[in-house]
Amino acid sequence: ATAQVSRRLAWAEVKATGPNVRSMEIGDQVLFNPEDRYEVEVRGKDYIILRERDIHAVAAERLDQGSTGLYL
């Protein structure tokens, strides 16, 4: 049997979204698996491109008072 090494998820800030994205907005923090991403360089800056279905959680300050600000 092969032991699987646990994968560490990473946080990133949303800088832009596509027209059909429903779960997040610019400025939100998203939790994702670094292995499920694409990288692109635009004007000398590196960006990560993720599919909405690959996001594990979203941290948003825009949620109601008293909420954790995290949702899946």
PDB file of N, CA and C in Angstrom:
ATOM      1  N   ALA A   1       0.852  -1.181   0.000  1.00  0.00           N
ATOM      2  CA  ALA A   1       0.000   0.000   0.000  1.00  0.00           C
ATOM      3  C   ALA A   1       0.893   1.237   0.000  1.00  0.00           C
ATOM      4  N   THR A   2       0.421   2.255  -0.667  1.00  0.00           N
ATOM      5  CA  THR A   2       1.159   3.510  -0.749  1.00  0.00           C
ATOM      6  C   THR A   2       0.507   4.527   0.170  1.00  0.00           C
ATOM      7  N   ALA A   3       1.293   5.155   0.998  1.00  0.00           N
ATOM      8  CA  ALA A   3       0.771   6.203   1.879  1.00  0.00           C
ATOM      9  C   ALA A   3       0.635   7.488   1.084  1.00  0.00           C
ATOM     10  N   GLN A   4      -0.484   8.159   1.267  1.00  0.00           N
ATOM     11  CA  GLN A   4      -0.697   9.421   0.573  1.00  0.00           C
ATOM     12  C   GLN A   4      -0.281  10.569   1.484  1.00  0.00           C
ATOM     13  N   VAL A   5       0.558  11.429   0.971  1.00  0.00           N
ATOM     14  CA  VAL A   5       0.996  12.598   1.721  1.00  0.00           C
ATOM     15  C   VAL A   5      -0.148  13.606   1.709  1.00  0.00           C
ATOM     16  N   SER A   6      -0.447  14.173   2.864  1.00  0.00           N
ATOM     17  CA  SER A   6      -1.537  15.140   2.919  1.00  0.00           C
ATOM     18  C   SER A   6      -1.177  16.375   2.099  1.00  0.00           C
ATOM     19  N   ARG A   7      -2.172  16.898   1.409  1.00  0.00           N
ATOM     20  CA  ARG A   7      -1.957  18.077   0.578  1.00  0.00           C
ATOM     21  C   ARG A   7      -2.390  19.314   1.352  1.00  0.00           C
ATOM     22  N   ARG A   8      -1.593  20.331   1.269  1.00  0.00           N
ATOM     23  CA  ARG A   8      -1.898  21.581   1.968  1.00  0.00           C
ATOM     24  C   ARG A   8      -2.609  22.516   1.004  1.00  0.00           C
ATOM     25  N   LEU A   9      -3.739  23.051   1.434  1.00  0.00           N
ATOM     26  CA  LEU A   9      -4.480  24.009   0.633  1.00  0.00           C
ATOM     27  C   LEU A   9      -3.882  25.401   0.823  1.00  0.00           C
ATOM     28  N   ALA A  10      -4.174  26.297  -0.099  1.00  0.00           N
ATOM     29  CA  ALA A  10      -3.611  27.650  -0.058  1.00  0.00           C
ATOM     30  C   ALA A  10      -4.721  28.683  -0.228  1.00  0.00           C
ATOM     31  N   TRP A  11      -4.481  29.877   0.293  1.00  0.00           N
ATOM     32  CA  TRP A  11      -5.411  31.000   0.146  1.00  0.00           C
ATOM     33  C   TRP A  11      -4.899  31.958  -0.923  1.00  0.00           C
ATOM     34  N   ALA A  12      -5.822  32.586  -1.630  1.00  0.00           N
ATOM     35  CA  ALA A  12      -5.478  33.616  -2.613  1.00  0.00           C
ATOM     36  C   ALA A  12      -6.609  34.640  -2.661  1.00  0.00           C
ATOM     37  N   GLU A  13      -6.286  35.843  -3.089  1.00  0.00           N
ATOM     38  CA  GLU A  13      -7.296  36.897  -3.231  1.00  0.00           C
ATOM     39  C   GLU A  13      -7.836  36.912  -4.651  1.00  0.00           C
ATOM     40  N   VAL A  14      -9.150  37.058  -4.775  1.00  0.00           N
ATOM     41  CA  VAL A  14      -9.795  37.135  -6.087  1.00  0.00           C
ATOM     42  C   VAL A  14      -9.511  38.513  -6.676  1.00  0.00           C
ATOM     43  N   LYS A  15      -8.889  38.543  -7.849  1.00  0.00           N
ATOM     44  CA  LYS A  15      -8.574  39.799  -8.540  1.00  0.00           C
ATOM     45  C   LYS A  15      -9.547  40.075  -9.681  1.00  0.00           C
ATOM     46  N   ALA A  16     -10.160  39.021 -10.230  1.00  0.00           N
ATOM     47  CA  ALA A  16     -11.120  39.159 -11.325  1.00  0.00           C
ATOM     48  C   ALA A  16     -11.951  37.887 -11.381  1.00  0.00           C
ATOM     49  N   THR A  17     -13.138  37.983 -11.978  1.00  0.00           N
ATOM     50  CA  THR A  17     -13.985  36.805 -12.162  1.00  0.00           C
ATOM     51  C   THR A  17     -14.553  36.803 -13.569  1.00  0.00           C
ATOM     52  N   GLY A  18     -14.967  35.644 -13.998  1.00  0.00           N
ATOM     53  CA  GLY A  18     -15.629  35.511 -15.288  1.00  0.00           C
ATOM     54  C   GLY A  18     -17.104  35.866 -15.166  1.00  0.00           C
ATOM     55  N   PRO A  19     -17.810  35.955 -16.291  1.00  0.00           N
ATOM     56  CA  PRO A  19     -19.210  36.392 -16.284  1.00  0.00           C
ATOM     57  C   PRO A  19     -20.176  35.408 -15.617  1.00  0.00           C
ATOM     58  N   ASN A  20     -19.814  34.144 -15.494  1.00  0.00           N
ATOM     59  CA  ASN A  20     -20.735  33.147 -14.942  1.00  0.00           C
ATOM     60  C   ASN A  20     -20.397  32.726 -13.515  1.00  0.00           C
ATOM     61  N   VAL A  21     -19.466  33.401 -12.871  1.00  0.00           N
ATOM     62  CA  VAL A  21     -19.073  33.054 -11.497  1.00  0.00           C
ATOM     63  C   VAL A  21     -20.159  33.534 -10.541  1.00  0.00           C
ATOM     64  N   ARG A  22     -20.600  32.628  -9.635  1.00  0.00           N
ATOM     65  CA  ARG A  22     -21.700  32.943  -8.723  1.00  0.00           C
ATOM     66  C   ARG A  22     -21.266  33.049  -7.268  1.00  0.00           C
ATOM     67  N   SER A  23     -20.193  32.361  -6.875  1.00  0.00           N
ATOM     68  CA  SER A  23     -19.882  32.173  -5.459  1.00  0.00           C
ATOM     69  C   SER A  23     -18.881  33.150  -4.869  1.00  0.00           C
ATOM     70  N   MET A  24     -18.275  33.975  -5.682  1.00  0.00           N
ATOM     71  CA  MET A  24     -17.243  34.857  -5.148  1.00  0.00           C
ATOM     72  C   MET A  24     -17.222  36.169  -5.905  1.00  0.00           C
ATOM     73  N   GLU A  25     -16.607  37.156  -5.250  1.00  0.00           N
ATOM     74  CA  GLU A  25     -16.479  38.486  -5.844  1.00  0.00           C
ATOM     75  C   GLU A  25     -15.040  38.959  -5.699  1.00  0.00           C
ATOM     76  N   ILE A  26     -14.697  39.982  -6.445  1.00  0.00           N
ATOM     77  CA  ILE A  26     -13.358  40.563  -6.357  1.00  0.00           C
ATOM     78  C   ILE A  26     -13.105  41.003  -4.914  1.00  0.00           C
ATOM     79  N   GLY A  27     -11.931  40.646  -4.395  1.00  0.00           N
ATOM     80  CA  GLY A  27     -11.559  40.980  -3.027  1.00  0.00           C
ATOM     81  C   GLY A  27     -11.754  39.839  -2.044  1.00  0.00           C
ATOM     82  N   ASP A  28     -12.566  38.836  -2.393  1.00  0.00           N
ATOM     83  CA  ASP A  28     -12.744  37.671  -1.526  1.00  0.00           C
ATOM     84  C   ASP A  28     -11.450  36.872  -1.461  1.00  0.00           C
ATOM     85  N   GLN A  29     -11.290  36.110  -0.403  1.00  0.00           N
ATOM     86  CA  GLN A  29     -10.181  35.163  -0.268  1.00  0.00           C
ATOM     87  C   GLN A  29     -10.739  33.775  -0.569  1.00  0.00           C
ATOM     88  N   VAL A  30     -10.032  32.993  -1.369  1.00  0.00           N
ATOM     89  CA  VAL A  30     -10.492  31.649  -1.710  1.00  0.00           C
ATOM     90  C   VAL A  30      -9.451  30.613  -1.304  1.00  0.00           C
ATOM     91  N   LEU A  31      -9.938  29.460  -0.885  1.00  0.00           N
ATOM     92  CA  LEU A  31      -9.098  28.344  -0.473  1.00  0.00           C
ATOM     93  C   LEU A  31      -9.096  27.322  -1.599  1.00  0.00           C
ATOM     94  N   PHE A  32      -7.903  26.927  -2.052  1.00  0.00           N
ATOM     95  CA  PHE A  32      -7.805  26.021  -3.191  1.00  0.00           C
ATOM     96  C   PHE A  32      -6.618  25.088  -3.039  1.00  0.00           C
ATOM     97  N   ASN A  33      -6.624  24.027  -3.826  1.00  0.00           N
ATOM     98  CA  ASN A  33      -5.507  23.090  -3.880  1.00  0.00           C
ATOM     99  C   ASN A  33      -4.510  23.618  -4.910  1.00  0.00           C
ATOM    100  N   PRO A  34      -3.280  23.914  -4.522  1.00  0.00           N
ATOM    101  CA  PRO A  34      -2.302  24.457  -5.469  1.00  0.00           C
ATOM    102  C   PRO A  34      -2.032  23.559  -6.681  1.00  0.00           C
ATOM    103  N   GLU A  35      -2.365  22.277  -6.586  1.00  0.00           N
ATOM    104  CA  GLU A  35      -2.156  21.386  -7.729  1.00  0.00           C
ATOM    105  C   GLU A  35      -3.238  21.556  -8.792  1.00  0.00           C
ATOM    106  N   ASP A  36      -4.388  22.170  -8.442  1.00  0.00           N
ATOM    107  CA  ASP A  36      -5.513  22.344  -9.365  1.00  0.00           C
ATOM    108  C   ASP A  36      -5.569  23.771  -9.895  1.00  0.00           C
ATOM    109  N   ARG A  37      -4.486  24.243 -10.477  1.00  0.00           N
ATOM    110  CA  ARG A  37      -4.456  25.633 -10.924  1.00  0.00           C
ATOM    111  C   ARG A  37      -3.666  25.775 -12.214  1.00  0.00           C
ATOM    112  N   TYR A  38      -3.869  26.905 -12.841  1.00  0.00           N
ATOM    113  CA  TYR A  38      -3.089  27.305 -14.008  1.00  0.00           C
ATOM    114  C   TYR A  38      -2.478  28.660 -13.676  1.00  0.00           C
ATOM    115  N   GLU A  39      -1.275  28.902 -14.153  1.00  0.00           N
ATOM    116  CA  GLU A  39      -0.615  30.185 -13.913  1.00  0.00           C
ATOM    117  C   GLU A  39      -0.458  30.927 -15.229  1.00  0.00           C
ATOM    118  N   VAL A  40      -0.569  32.247 -15.157  1.00  0.00           N
ATOM    119  CA  VAL A  40      -0.407  33.085 -16.334  1.00  0.00           C
ATOM    120  C   VAL A  40       0.305  34.368 -15.897  1.00  0.00           C
ATOM    121  N   GLU A  41       1.114  34.921 -16.789  1.00  0.00           N
ATOM    122  CA  GLU A  41       1.786  36.192 -16.523  1.00  0.00           C
ATOM    123  C   GLU A  41       1.135  37.267 -17.376  1.00  0.00           C
ATOM    124  N   VAL A  42       0.724  38.358 -16.732  1.00  0.00           N
ATOM    125  CA  VAL A  42       0.107  39.481 -17.428  1.00  0.00           C
ATOM    126  C   VAL A  42       0.842  40.746 -17.011  1.00  0.00           C
ATOM    127  N   ARG A  43       1.462  41.413 -17.975  1.00  0.00           N
ATOM    128  CA  ARG A  43       2.207  42.657 -17.725  1.00  0.00           C
ATOM    129  C   ARG A  43       3.212  42.512 -16.593  1.00  0.00           C
ATOM    130  N   GLY A  44       3.915  41.387 -16.587  1.00  0.00           N
ATOM    131  CA  GLY A  44       4.972  41.164 -15.609  1.00  0.00           C
ATOM    132  C   GLY A  44       4.514  40.662 -14.251  1.00  0.00           C
ATOM    133  N   LYS A  45       3.214  40.442 -14.063  1.00  0.00           N
ATOM    134  CA  LYS A  45       2.694  39.918 -12.795  1.00  0.00           C
ATOM    135  C   LYS A  45       2.150  38.516 -13.027  1.00  0.00           C
ATOM    136  N   ASP A  46       2.394  37.640 -12.056  1.00  0.00           N
ATOM    137  CA  ASP A  46       1.883  36.273 -12.137  1.00  0.00           C
ATOM    138  C   ASP A  46       0.506  36.196 -11.488  1.00  0.00           C
ATOM    139  N   TYR A  47      -0.406  35.491 -12.153  1.00  0.00           N
ATOM    140  CA  TYR A  47      -1.752  35.272 -11.644  1.00  0.00           C
ATOM    141  C   TYR A  47      -2.068  33.787 -11.710  1.00  0.00           C
ATOM    142  N   ILE A  48      -2.977  33.359 -10.842  1.00  0.00           N
ATOM    143  CA  ILE A  48      -3.452  31.980 -10.827  1.00  0.00           C
ATOM    144  C   ILE A  48      -4.862  31.976 -11.395  1.00  0.00           C
ATOM    145  N   ILE A  49      -5.134  31.046 -12.278  1.00  0.00           N
ATOM    146  CA  ILE A  49      -6.472  30.884 -12.831  1.00  0.00           C
ATOM    147  C   ILE A  49      -7.066  29.614 -12.238  1.00  0.00           C
ATOM    148  N   LEU A  50      -8.243  29.753 -11.632  1.00  0.00           N
ATOM    149  CA  LEU A  50      -8.919  28.628 -11.001  1.00  0.00           C
ATOM    150  C   LEU A  50     -10.327  28.485 -11.559  1.00  0.00           C
ATOM    151  N   ARG A  51     -10.819  27.261 -11.572  1.00  0.00           N
ATOM    152  CA  ARG A  51     -12.221  27.028 -11.899  1.00  0.00           C
ATOM    153  C   ARG A  51     -13.025  27.144 -10.608  1.00  0.00           C
ATOM    154  N   GLU A  52     -14.222  27.659 -10.711  1.00  0.00           N
ATOM    155  CA  GLU A  52     -15.054  27.835  -9.523  1.00  0.00           C
ATOM    156  C   GLU A  52     -15.268  26.507  -8.794  1.00  0.00           C
ATOM    157  N   ARG A  53     -15.376  25.433  -9.516  1.00  0.00           N
ATOM    158  CA  ARG A  53     -15.612  24.127  -8.886  1.00  0.00           C
ATOM    159  C   ARG A  53     -14.394  23.634  -8.102  1.00  0.00           C
ATOM    160  N   ASP A  54     -13.216  24.223  -8.315  1.00  0.00           N
ATOM    161  CA  ASP A  54     -12.006  23.825  -7.594  1.00  0.00           C
ATOM    162  C   ASP A  54     -11.780  24.631  -6.312  1.00  0.00           C
ATOM    163  N   ILE A  55     -12.684  25.541  -5.995  1.00  0.00           N
ATOM    164  CA  ILE A  55     -12.581  26.343  -4.778  1.00  0.00           C
ATOM    165  C   ILE A  55     -13.176  25.549  -3.615  1.00  0.00           C
ATOM    166  N   HIS A  56     -12.433  25.435  -2.522  1.00  0.00           N
ATOM    167  CA  HIS A  56     -12.897  24.678  -1.353  1.00  0.00           C
ATOM    168  C   HIS A  56     -13.654  25.557  -0.360  1.00  0.00           C
ATOM    169  N   ALA A  57     -13.322  26.835  -0.279  1.00  0.00           N
ATOM    170  CA  ALA A  57     -14.008  27.753   0.638  1.00  0.00           C
ATOM    171  C   ALA A  57     -13.769  29.184   0.182  1.00  0.00           C
ATOM    172  N   VAL A  58     -14.669  30.074   0.600  1.00  0.00           N
ATOM    173  CA  VAL A  58     -14.548  31.498   0.292  1.00  0.00           C
ATOM    174  C   VAL A  58     -14.650  32.268   1.605  1.00  0.00           C
ATOM    175  N   ALA A  59     -13.736  33.188   1.832  1.00  0.00           N
ATOM    176  CA  ALA A  59     -13.787  34.083   2.987  1.00  0.00           C
ATOM    177  C   ALA A  59     -14.169  35.461   2.462  1.00  0.00           C
ATOM    178  N   ALA A  60     -15.302  35.972   2.949  1.00  0.00           N
ATOM    179  CA  ALA A  60     -15.800  37.243   2.437  1.00  0.00           C
ATOM    180  C   ALA A  60     -16.202  38.148   3.591  1.00  0.00           C
ATOM    181  N   GLU A  61     -15.800  39.407   3.533  1.00  0.00           N
ATOM    182  CA  GLU A  61     -16.174  40.372   4.566  1.00  0.00           C
ATOM    183  C   GLU A  61     -17.561  40.938   4.332  1.00  0.00           C
ATOM    184  N   ARG A  62     -18.151  40.723   3.172  1.00  0.00           N
ATOM    185  CA  ARG A  62     -19.440  41.317   2.829  1.00  0.00           C
ATOM    186  C   ARG A  62     -20.624  40.595   3.471  1.00  0.00           C
ATOM    187  N   LEU A  63     -20.397  39.469   4.161  1.00  0.00           N
ATOM    188  CA  LEU A  63     -21.484  38.693   4.744  1.00  0.00           C
ATOM    189  C   LEU A  63     -22.065  39.393   5.966  1.00  0.00           C
ATOM    190  N   ASP A  64     -23.224  38.932   6.396  1.00  0.00           N
ATOM    191  CA  ASP A  64     -23.952  39.549   7.505  1.00  0.00           C
ATOM    192  C   ASP A  64     -23.155  39.579   8.801  1.00  0.00           C
ATOM    193  N   GLN A  65     -23.503  40.530   9.635  1.00  0.00           N
ATOM    194  CA  GLN A  65     -22.879  40.669  10.955  1.00  0.00           C
ATOM    195  C   GLN A  65     -23.122  39.398  11.767  1.00  0.00           C
ATOM    196  N   GLY A  66     -22.128  38.930  12.458  1.00  0.00           N
ATOM    197  CA  GLY A  66     -22.270  37.741  13.279  1.00  0.00           C
ATOM    198  C   GLY A  66     -21.939  36.447  12.564  1.00  0.00           C
ATOM    199  N   SER A  67     -21.770  36.485  11.252  1.00  0.00           N
ATOM    200  CA  SER A  67     -21.397  35.268  10.529  1.00  0.00           C
ATOM    201  C   SER A  67     -19.882  35.106  10.567  1.00  0.00           C
ATOM    202  N   THR A  68     -19.420  33.919  10.260  1.00  0.00           N
ATOM    203  CA  THR A  68     -17.982  33.663  10.299  1.00  0.00           C
ATOM    204  C   THR A  68     -17.253  34.289   9.128  1.00  0.00           C
ATOM    205  N   GLY A  69     -17.987  34.573   8.050  1.00  0.00           N
ATOM    206  CA  GLY A  69     -17.348  35.109   6.857  1.00  0.00           C
ATOM    207  C   GLY A  69     -16.776  34.035   5.966  1.00  0.00           C
ATOM    208  N   LEU A  70     -16.935  32.773   6.376  1.00  0.00           N
ATOM    209  CA  LEU A  70     -16.459  31.645   5.578  1.00  0.00           C
ATOM    210  C   LEU A  70     -17.642  30.835   5.097  1.00  0.00           C
ATOM    211  N   TYR A  71     -17.601  30.406   3.856  1.00  0.00           N
ATOM    212  CA  TYR A  71     -18.624  29.500   3.368  1.00  0.00           C
ATOM    213  C   TYR A  71     -18.052  28.635   2.268  1.00  0.00           C
ATOM    214  N   LEU A  72     -18.683  27.507   2.026  1.00  0.00           N
ATOM    215  CA  LEU A  72     -18.240  26.568   0.993  1.00  0.00           C
ATOM    216  C   LEU A  72     -19.140  26.664  -0.203  1.00  0.00           C
TER     217      LEU A  72
END
